Amino acid sequence: MATTFEVKPQAATLSNDEILRYSRHLIMPEVGMEGQQKLKAARVLCIGAGGLGSPLALYLAAAGVGTLGIVDFDVVDFTNLQRQIIHSTADVGRKKLDSAAEKLQAINPFVKVKKIETRLSSTNALELFRDFDIIADGTDNFPTRYLVNDACVLTGKPNVYGSIFRFEGQASVFATEEGPCYRCLYPEPPPPGLVPSCAEGGVLGILPGLVGVMQATEVIKLILGAGEPLIGRLLLIDALAMKFRELKLRKNPDCPACGTHPTITQLIDYNEFCGIRGEEKPVETGIPEMQVEELKRRLDAGENLYVLDVREPHEYQICNIGGHLIPLGDLPKRVNELDSSREIVAHCRSGVRSAKAVGFLQQAGFKKVHNLAGGILAWADKIDPKMPKY
């Protein structure tokens, strides 16, 4: 499917050094001098400098995209290094923007890197997007995906989409004039908590490299006006089987964002749209909590507490505090193993899954049940610093 999107070369002349640098592009008739000048004139905004943003930005910089904007507000963590290849061990604790910009300038000093240190929101997205030609979405949560989509539709910018989870990935190009948008594919977000994050479910470190490179490829094709972009197509990647499937997508005439009679004419509260109430404590939603210090004190005192670990067996092998292992998914069919007369303290890695377990047990009639605030990560931070964290 062709696209009406076009980046004009304008006055993006190439120096002799640039001609040498991009010589393998220039000898390709699909790129040539004019194509490389289009790349130099292009302005691409990458949302995130994480798993997808790392390979995406690295390859766009190497290819000669003239202006790369990066939106990020996070710092580099040890857990990032398994997949976020733009950062190194020495960058742990640094702002991701500073780390990423340093690597991108080292790869290609001809590229202008614009560091945008902010959380993308409904109040700033439209203004940020207007300064760029293409938006590449490297986010990992539903509220921001819907925000990026709607802002792209409202500003007329193509949305080069990618997502990853465990061994599976997706890629497409949304919000072009002739193609569908993200809302055409997913009119409504999944219920909160139904789809675990990469922090809870994990991700194969290589997968974001695979998907991020696909996003970079689509960006470059859009700029060059070459090939068949993933407009109206959703590419599904199964890295474990190394299989690729393609779904045909149609523009939904009734889509509230890009349909014939759109009802979304301004950006909304996307946390509310996705049913996310923000940083509420479990106790405020009826889930009683216990702090790790209290659990340690009461265990040391020999109190008859039942510590319930609702993580998966492979997580238990990483570290544990000696609790009884019943994975959250197995809890409904194994609830008869629990003694309702004993006080139960449930925990997981961070407290999210165990809060669901506590809610389930409360509905099942258990009265003396608590969620361990912060999970085993809080235990490692405050009780046992020698415990490995993951």
Protein backbone atom coordinates (compact mmCIF):
# COMPACT_ATOMS: atom_id res chain seq x y z
CA MET A 1 0.00 0.00 0.00
CA ALA A 2 1.42 3.33 -0.99
CA THR A 3 1.38 6.26 1.37
CA THR A 4 0.84 9.95 0.74
CA PHE A 5 3.31 10.84 3.47
CA GLU A 6 6.36 12.70 2.15
CA VAL A 7 9.51 14.30 3.53
CA LYS A 8 10.99 16.81 1.12
CA PRO A 9 14.79 17.04 0.74
CA GLN A 10 14.61 20.83 1.07
CA ALA A 11 18.16 22.22 1.22
CA ALA A 12 19.67 19.20 3.01
CA THR A 13 22.94 19.07 1.11
CA LEU A 14 25.51 16.42 1.97
CA SER A 15 29.13 17.20 2.77
CA ASN A 16 31.96 15.09 1.37
CA ASP A 17 32.28 13.39 4.77
CA GLU A 18 28.58 12.56 4.75
CA ILE A 19 28.77 11.23 1.20
CA LEU A 20 31.53 8.87 2.29
CA ARG A 21 29.68 7.87 5.46
CA TYR A 22 26.46 7.05 3.60
CA SER A 23 28.09 5.67 0.46
CA ARG A 24 26.43 2.25 0.81
CA HIS A 25 23.07 4.03 0.77
CA LEU A 26 23.97 6.32 -2.11
CA ILE A 27 24.80 3.51 -4.49
CA MET A 28 21.33 2.01 -3.99
CA PRO A 29 18.88 3.41 -6.57
CA GLU A 30 16.07 3.22 -3.98
CA VAL A 31 17.98 5.72 -1.82
CA GLY A 32 20.57 7.64 -3.83
CA MET A 33 21.46 11.28 -3.16
CA GLU A 34 17.85 12.42 -3.06
CA GLY A 35 16.85 9.72 -0.58
CA GLN A 36 19.77 10.47 1.70
CA GLN A 37 18.89 14.15 1.59
CA LYS A 38 15.33 13.21 2.62
CA LEU A 39 16.78 11.29 5.58
CA LYS A 40 18.88 14.29 6.55
CA ALA A 41 15.87 16.60 6.32
CA ALA A 42 13.63 14.29 8.35
CA ARG A 43 12.65 14.89 11.98
CA VAL A 44 11.72 11.78 13.94
CA LEU A 45 10.48 11.70 17.53
CA CYS A 46 11.21 8.54 19.53
CA ILE A 47 8.96 8.04 22.56
CA GLY A 48 11.22 6.34 25.09
CA ALA A 49 14.90 5.43 25.27
CA GLY A 50 14.33 1.92 26.55
CA GLY A 51 14.05 -1.52 24.98
CA LEU A 52 12.46 -0.46 21.69
CA GLY A 53 13.90 3.05 21.67
CA SER A 54 17.48 1.78 21.92
CA PRO A 55 17.78 -0.09 18.58
CA LEU A 56 15.33 2.31 16.96
CA ALA A 57 17.37 5.43 17.75
CA LEU A 58 20.73 3.76 17.12
CA TYR A 59 19.82 2.67 13.60
CA LEU A 60 18.05 5.91 12.71
CA ALA A 61 21.13 7.85 13.78
CA ALA A 62 23.45 5.55 11.82
CA ALA A 63 21.20 5.86 8.75
CA GLY A 64 21.50 9.65 8.81
CA VAL A 65 18.10 10.85 10.01
CA GLY A 66 18.87 14.55 10.49
CA THR A 67 16.97 15.30 13.68
CA LEU A 68 16.19 12.75 16.37
CA GLY A 69 13.99 13.79 19.27
CA ILE A 70 13.87 11.52 22.31
CA VAL A 71 11.25 11.79 25.04
CA ASP A 72 12.22 10.15 28.32
CA PHE A 73 12.32 10.98 32.03
CA ASP A 74 13.80 7.77 33.51
CA VAL A 75 17.26 6.78 34.74
CA VAL A 76 19.28 3.72 33.74
CA ASP A 77 18.76 0.72 36.02
CA PHE A 78 20.68 -2.56 36.16
CA THR A 79 17.55 -4.42 35.03
CA ASN A 80 17.55 -2.36 31.80
CA LEU A 81 20.91 -3.65 30.59
CA GLN A 82 19.61 -7.06 29.47
CA ARG A 83 17.82 -5.42 26.53
CA GLN A 84 18.35 -1.62 26.40
CA ILE A 85 21.54 -1.77 24.35
CA ILE A 86 22.03 1.98 24.05
CA HIS A 87 23.03 2.03 27.74
CA SER A 88 26.06 0.43 29.40
CA THR A 89 26.95 -0.67 32.92
CA ALA A 90 28.75 2.61 33.49
CA ASP A 91 25.48 4.46 32.76
CA VAL A 92 23.55 2.96 35.68
CA GLY A 93 22.06 5.85 37.63
CA ARG A 94 22.41 8.33 34.75
CA LYS A 95 19.49 9.90 32.93
CA LYS A 96 18.58 7.75 29.97
CA LEU A 97 18.43 10.85 27.81
CA ASP A 98 22.05 11.76 28.57
CA SER A 99 23.24 8.19 28.07
CA ALA A 100 21.34 7.78 24.79
CA ALA A 101 22.39 11.16 23.36
CA GLU A 102 26.03 10.42 24.10
CA LYS A 103 25.88 7.12 22.17
CA LEU A 104 23.96 8.60 19.26
CA GLN A 105 26.39 11.49 18.81
CA ALA A 106 29.29 9.03 19.00
CA ILE A 107 27.74 6.99 16.19
CA ASN A 108 26.90 9.98 14.01
CA PRO A 109 27.95 13.53 14.90
CA PHE A 110 25.96 14.85 11.93
CA VAL A 111 22.67 14.00 13.65
CA LYS A 112 20.94 16.60 15.82
CA VAL A 113 19.72 14.95 19.02
CA LYS A 114 16.97 16.78 20.87
CA LYS A 115 16.63 15.65 24.47
CA ILE A 116 13.11 16.11 25.79
CA GLU A 117 13.13 15.29 29.49
CA THR A 118 9.46 15.02 30.35
CA ARG A 119 6.66 12.54 30.83
CA LEU A 120 4.54 12.59 27.68
CA SER A 121 1.07 13.80 28.65
CA SER A 122 -2.16 15.20 27.27
CA THR A 123 -0.90 18.70 28.01
CA ASN A 124 2.34 18.51 26.00
CA ALA A 125 1.93 15.83 23.31
CA LEU A 126 0.35 17.97 20.58
CA GLU A 127 2.95 20.71 20.93
CA LEU A 128 5.83 18.21 20.91
CA PHE A 129 4.53 16.25 17.92
CA ARG A 130 4.10 19.30 15.69
CA ASP A 131 7.86 19.78 15.46
CA PHE A 132 8.43 16.32 13.95
CA ASP A 133 7.50 14.41 10.79
CA ILE A 134 7.13 10.90 12.21
CA ILE A 135 6.45 9.58 15.72
CA ALA A 136 7.96 6.23 16.73
CA ASP A 137 6.20 4.72 19.73
CA GLY A 138 8.51 2.77 22.01
CA THR A 139 6.28 2.87 25.09
CA ASP A 140 5.28 -0.06 27.28
CA ASN A 141 1.88 0.89 28.70
CA PHE A 142 -1.64 1.30 27.34
CA PRO A 143 -2.39 4.87 28.47
CA THR A 144 0.64 6.23 26.60
CA ARG A 145 -0.10 4.14 23.49
CA TYR A 146 -3.58 5.62 23.26
CA LEU A 147 -2.17 9.08 23.95
CA VAL A 148 0.43 8.71 21.17
CA ASN A 149 -2.20 7.43 18.77
CA ASP A 150 -4.68 10.22 19.38
CA ALA A 151 -1.99 12.91 19.25
CA CYS A 152 -0.71 11.47 15.95
CA VAL A 153 -4.22 11.50 14.46
CA LEU A 154 -4.86 15.07 15.62
CA THR A 155 -1.51 16.35 14.29
CA GLY A 156 -1.46 14.25 11.12
CA LYS A 157 1.77 12.43 11.99
CA PRO A 158 2.40 8.74 11.18
CA ASN A 159 2.65 6.52 14.26
CA VAL A 160 5.29 3.79 13.84
CA TYR A 161 4.15 1.31 16.47
CA GLY A 162 5.91 -1.54 18.23
CA SER A 163 5.18 -3.59 21.33
CA ILE A 164 6.86 -6.51 23.10
CA PHE A 165 6.07 -9.08 25.80
CA ARG A 166 8.03 -12.20 26.75
CA PHE A 167 8.69 -13.86 23.33
CA GLU A 168 6.07 -11.98 21.30
CA GLY A 169 6.06 -8.67 19.48
CA GLN A 170 3.93 -6.53 17.20
CA ALA A 171 4.68 -3.82 14.66
CA SER A 172 2.58 -1.61 12.42
CA VAL A 173 2.20 1.92 11.04
CA PHE A 174 -0.87 3.73 12.30
CA ALA A 175 -2.55 7.11 11.82
CA THR A 176 -1.69 7.77 8.18
CA GLU A 177 -4.35 9.46 6.07
CA GLU A 178 -5.33 6.28 4.26
CA GLY A 179 -4.68 3.70 6.99
CA PRO A 180 -6.20 2.68 10.32
CA CYS A 181 -5.11 3.96 13.70
CA TYR A 182 -4.38 2.10 16.94
CA ARG A 183 -7.98 2.57 18.07
CA CYS A 184 -9.23 0.82 14.93
CA LEU A 185 -7.36 -2.25 16.14
CA TYR A 186 -7.97 -1.84 19.88
CA PRO A 187 -11.11 0.27 20.43
CA GLU A 188 -10.97 -0.35 24.19
CA PRO A 189 -8.01 -1.05 26.49
CA PRO A 190 -7.86 -4.36 28.37
CA PRO A 191 -9.05 -4.35 31.98
CA PRO A 192 -6.37 -3.00 34.37
CA GLY A 193 -3.98 -5.74 35.44
CA LEU A 194 -5.08 -8.26 32.82
CA VAL A 195 -1.91 -7.82 30.75
CA PRO A 196 1.18 -7.89 33.00
CA SER A 197 4.03 -5.49 32.35
CA CYS A 198 7.48 -6.64 31.26
CA ALA A 199 8.60 -6.08 34.86
CA GLU A 200 6.02 -8.63 36.01
CA GLY A 201 6.00 -11.00 33.02
CA GLY A 202 9.49 -10.62 31.62
CA VAL A 203 10.76 -10.15 28.09
CA LEU A 204 13.43 -11.90 26.03
CA GLY A 205 16.24 -9.35 25.84
CA ILE A 206 16.72 -9.83 22.10
CA LEU A 207 13.06 -9.28 21.21
CA PRO A 208 13.01 -5.46 21.52
CA GLY A 209 16.04 -5.40 19.24
CA LEU A 210 14.10 -7.33 16.63
CA VAL A 211 10.98 -5.18 16.89
CA GLY A 212 12.89 -1.90 17.27
CA VAL A 213 14.82 -2.59 14.07
CA MET A 214 11.51 -3.24 12.30
CA GLN A 215 10.26 0.13 13.53
CA ALA A 216 13.43 1.82 12.28
CA THR A 217 12.95 0.13 8.91
CA GLU A 218 9.38 1.42 8.67
CA VAL A 219 10.48 4.95 9.59
CA ILE A 220 13.14 4.95 6.88
CA LYS A 221 10.71 3.56 4.28
CA LEU A 222 8.23 6.31 5.12
CA ILE A 223 10.91 8.97 4.75
CA LEU A 224 12.15 7.57 1.46
CA GLY A 225 8.67 6.86 0.12
CA ALA A 226 9.93 3.40 -0.80
CA GLY A 227 8.56 -0.11 -0.48
CA GLU A 228 5.35 -1.14 1.24
CA PRO A 229 4.99 0.27 4.75
CA LEU A 230 3.06 -1.65 7.40
CA ILE A 231 -0.01 0.52 6.80
CA GLY A 232 -3.15 -1.58 7.20
CA ARG A 233 -1.02 -4.51 8.34
CA LEU A 234 -0.16 -5.79 11.82
CA LEU A 235 2.99 -7.90 11.92
CA LEU A 236 2.96 -10.50 14.71
CA ILE A 237 6.30 -11.92 15.83
CA ASP A 238 6.76 -15.19 17.74
CA ALA A 239 10.47 -15.27 18.55
CA LEU A 240 10.27 -18.63 20.34
CA ALA A 241 9.02 -20.35 17.18
CA MET A 242 10.63 -17.71 14.93
CA LYS A 243 7.40 -17.30 13.02
CA PHE A 244 5.85 -14.18 11.55
CA ARG A 245 2.17 -13.68 10.85
CA GLU A 246 0.38 -10.74 9.28
CA LEU A 247 -3.11 -9.47 9.99
CA LYS A 248 -4.86 -7.19 7.52
CA LEU A 249 -6.31 -4.11 9.21
CA ARG A 250 -9.05 -1.86 7.91
CA LYS A 251 -9.75 1.74 8.74
CA ASN A 252 -12.87 1.77 10.92
CA PRO A 253 -15.30 4.42 9.60
CA ASP A 254 -16.84 4.57 13.10
CA CYS A 255 -13.49 5.00 14.87
CA PRO A 256 -13.81 7.82 17.44
CA ALA A 257 -10.32 9.07 16.53
CA CYS A 258 -9.86 8.66 12.76
CA GLY A 259 -13.36 7.77 11.53
CA THR A 260 -15.64 9.79 9.30
CA HIS A 261 -17.26 11.49 12.30
CA PRO A 262 -14.56 11.58 14.99
CA THR A 263 -15.61 12.31 18.56
CA ILE A 264 -12.07 12.63 19.91
CA THR A 265 -11.16 16.19 19.02
CA GLN A 266 -8.81 16.80 21.94
CA LEU A 267 -6.61 14.70 24.20
CA ILE A 268 -8.21 13.13 27.25
CA ASP A 269 -7.17 11.64 30.61
CA TYR A 270 -5.67 8.36 29.40
CA ASN A 271 -5.10 6.86 32.84
CA GLU A 272 -8.80 7.29 33.51
CA PHE A 273 -9.64 5.91 30.05
CA CYS A 274 -7.59 2.79 30.79
CA GLY A 275 -9.06 2.45 34.29
CA ILE A 276 -5.83 3.29 36.08
CA ARG A 277 -6.28 5.28 39.26
CA GLY A 278 -2.65 6.24 39.69
CA GLU A 279 -0.41 5.48 42.63
CA GLU A 280 -3.09 4.38 45.08
CA LYS A 281 -2.04 2.19 47.96
CA PRO A 282 -3.72 -1.20 48.17
CA VAL A 283 -5.17 -0.30 51.57
CA GLU A 284 -7.17 2.49 49.88
CA THR A 285 -8.86 -0.07 47.65
CA GLY A 286 -9.81 -2.34 50.55
CA ILE A 287 -6.65 -4.46 50.51
CA PRO A 288 -5.03 -4.56 53.98
CA GLU A 289 -1.25 -4.25 53.97
CA MET A 290 1.58 -5.35 56.20
CA GLN A 291 5.01 -3.71 56.07
CA VAL A 292 8.09 -5.92 55.75
CA GLU A 293 9.44 -4.68 59.10
CA GLU A 294 6.31 -5.89 60.90
CA LEU A 295 6.43 -9.26 59.14
CA LYS A 296 10.08 -9.73 60.13
CA ARG A 297 9.37 -8.78 63.76
CA ARG A 298 6.42 -11.13 64.05
CA LEU A 299 8.22 -14.03 62.38
CA ASP A 300 11.18 -13.55 64.71
CA ALA A 301 8.76 -13.58 67.65
CA GLY A 302 7.54 -16.99 66.52
CA GLU A 303 4.00 -15.93 65.67
CA ASN A 304 1.95 -18.44 63.71
CA LEU A 305 1.77 -16.53 60.43
CA TYR A 306 1.21 -18.23 57.07
CA VAL A 307 3.42 -16.59 54.45
CA LEU A 308 1.90 -17.15 51.00
CA ASP A 309 4.18 -16.66 47.97
CA VAL A 310 2.05 -16.19 44.83
CA ARG A 311 4.94 -15.90 42.36
CA GLU A 312 5.91 -18.53 39.79
CA PRO A 313 8.21 -21.47 40.62
CA HIS A 314 11.08 -20.06 38.53
CA GLU A 315 10.85 -16.82 40.50
CA TYR A 316 10.93 -18.73 43.79
CA GLN A 317 14.24 -20.23 42.68
CA ILE A 318 15.74 -16.76 42.28
CA CYS A 319 15.04 -15.75 45.86
CA ASN A 320 12.46 -16.44 48.56
CA ILE A 321 11.70 -15.80 52.21
CA GLY A 322 10.54 -19.32 52.89
CA GLY A 323 6.87 -18.84 52.16
CA HIS A 324 4.44 -21.46 50.87
CA LEU A 325 4.43 -21.28 47.08
CA ILE A 326 1.03 -21.21 45.36
CA PRO A 327 1.21 -19.24 42.07
CA LEU A 328 -1.56 -16.71 41.64
CA GLY A 329 -3.03 -18.58 38.67
CA ASP A 330 -3.28 -21.78 40.75
CA LEU A 331 -4.80 -20.12 43.80
CA PRO A 332 -8.52 -20.66 42.94
CA LYS A 333 -8.10 -24.44 42.62
CA ARG A 334 -5.72 -24.74 45.60
CA VAL A 335 -7.48 -22.40 48.01
CA ASN A 336 -8.55 -25.45 50.07
CA GLU A 337 -4.88 -25.85 51.08
CA LEU A 338 -5.11 -22.66 53.14
CA ASP A 339 -6.27 -22.56 56.75
CA SER A 340 -8.78 -19.73 57.14
CA SER A 341 -8.18 -19.66 60.89
CA ARG A 342 -4.55 -18.60 60.45
CA GLU A 343 -3.36 -15.11 59.64
CA ILE A 344 -2.09 -15.05 56.04
CA VAL A 345 0.47 -12.66 54.58
CA ALA A 346 0.63 -12.87 50.77
CA HIS A 347 3.54 -11.55 48.76
CA CYS A 348 4.92 -11.49 45.22
CA ARG A 349 7.77 -9.56 43.60
CA SER A 350 6.42 -6.04 44.10
CA GLY A 351 2.99 -6.40 45.69
CA VAL A 352 0.78 -6.22 42.58
CA ARG A 353 -0.08 -9.89 42.14
CA SER A 354 -0.32 -10.52 45.88
CA ALA A 355 -2.85 -7.67 46.17
CA LYS A 356 -5.02 -9.56 43.67
CA ALA A 357 -4.52 -12.74 45.72
CA VAL A 358 -5.63 -10.95 48.89
CA GLY A 359 -8.70 -9.59 47.13
CA PHE A 360 -9.60 -13.09 45.93
CA LEU A 361 -9.12 -14.56 49.41
CA GLN A 362 -11.27 -11.85 50.95
CA GLN A 363 -14.06 -12.70 48.52
CA ALA A 364 -13.60 -16.37 49.44
CA GLY A 365 -14.29 -15.58 53.08
CA PHE A 366 -10.79 -15.20 54.52
CA LYS A 367 -10.80 -12.51 57.22
CA LYS A 368 -7.19 -12.40 58.47
CA VAL A 369 -5.23 -11.77 55.27
CA HIS A 370 -2.68 -9.09 54.37
CA ASN A 371 -0.68 -8.02 51.34
CA LEU A 372 3.06 -7.56 51.95
CA ALA A 373 3.69 -3.96 50.89
CA GLY A 374 6.38 -3.75 48.22
CA GLY A 375 6.75 -7.53 48.00
CA ILE A 376 10.04 -9.31 48.05
CA LEU A 377 11.76 -6.25 46.58
CA ALA A 378 10.92 -4.32 49.75
CA TRP A 379 12.20 -7.25 51.83
CA ALA A 380 15.52 -7.10 49.95
CA ASP A 381 15.73 -3.31 50.42
CA LYS A 382 14.82 -3.11 54.09
CA ILE A 383 15.41 -6.53 55.68
CA ASP A 384 17.99 -8.56 53.74
CA PRO A 385 20.29 -6.46 51.49
CA LYS A 386 22.11 -9.67 50.45
CA MET A 387 18.99 -11.02 48.78
CA PRO A 388 19.18 -10.83 44.97
CA LYS A 389 16.71 -8.50 43.26
CA TYR A 390 15.17 -9.08 39.86
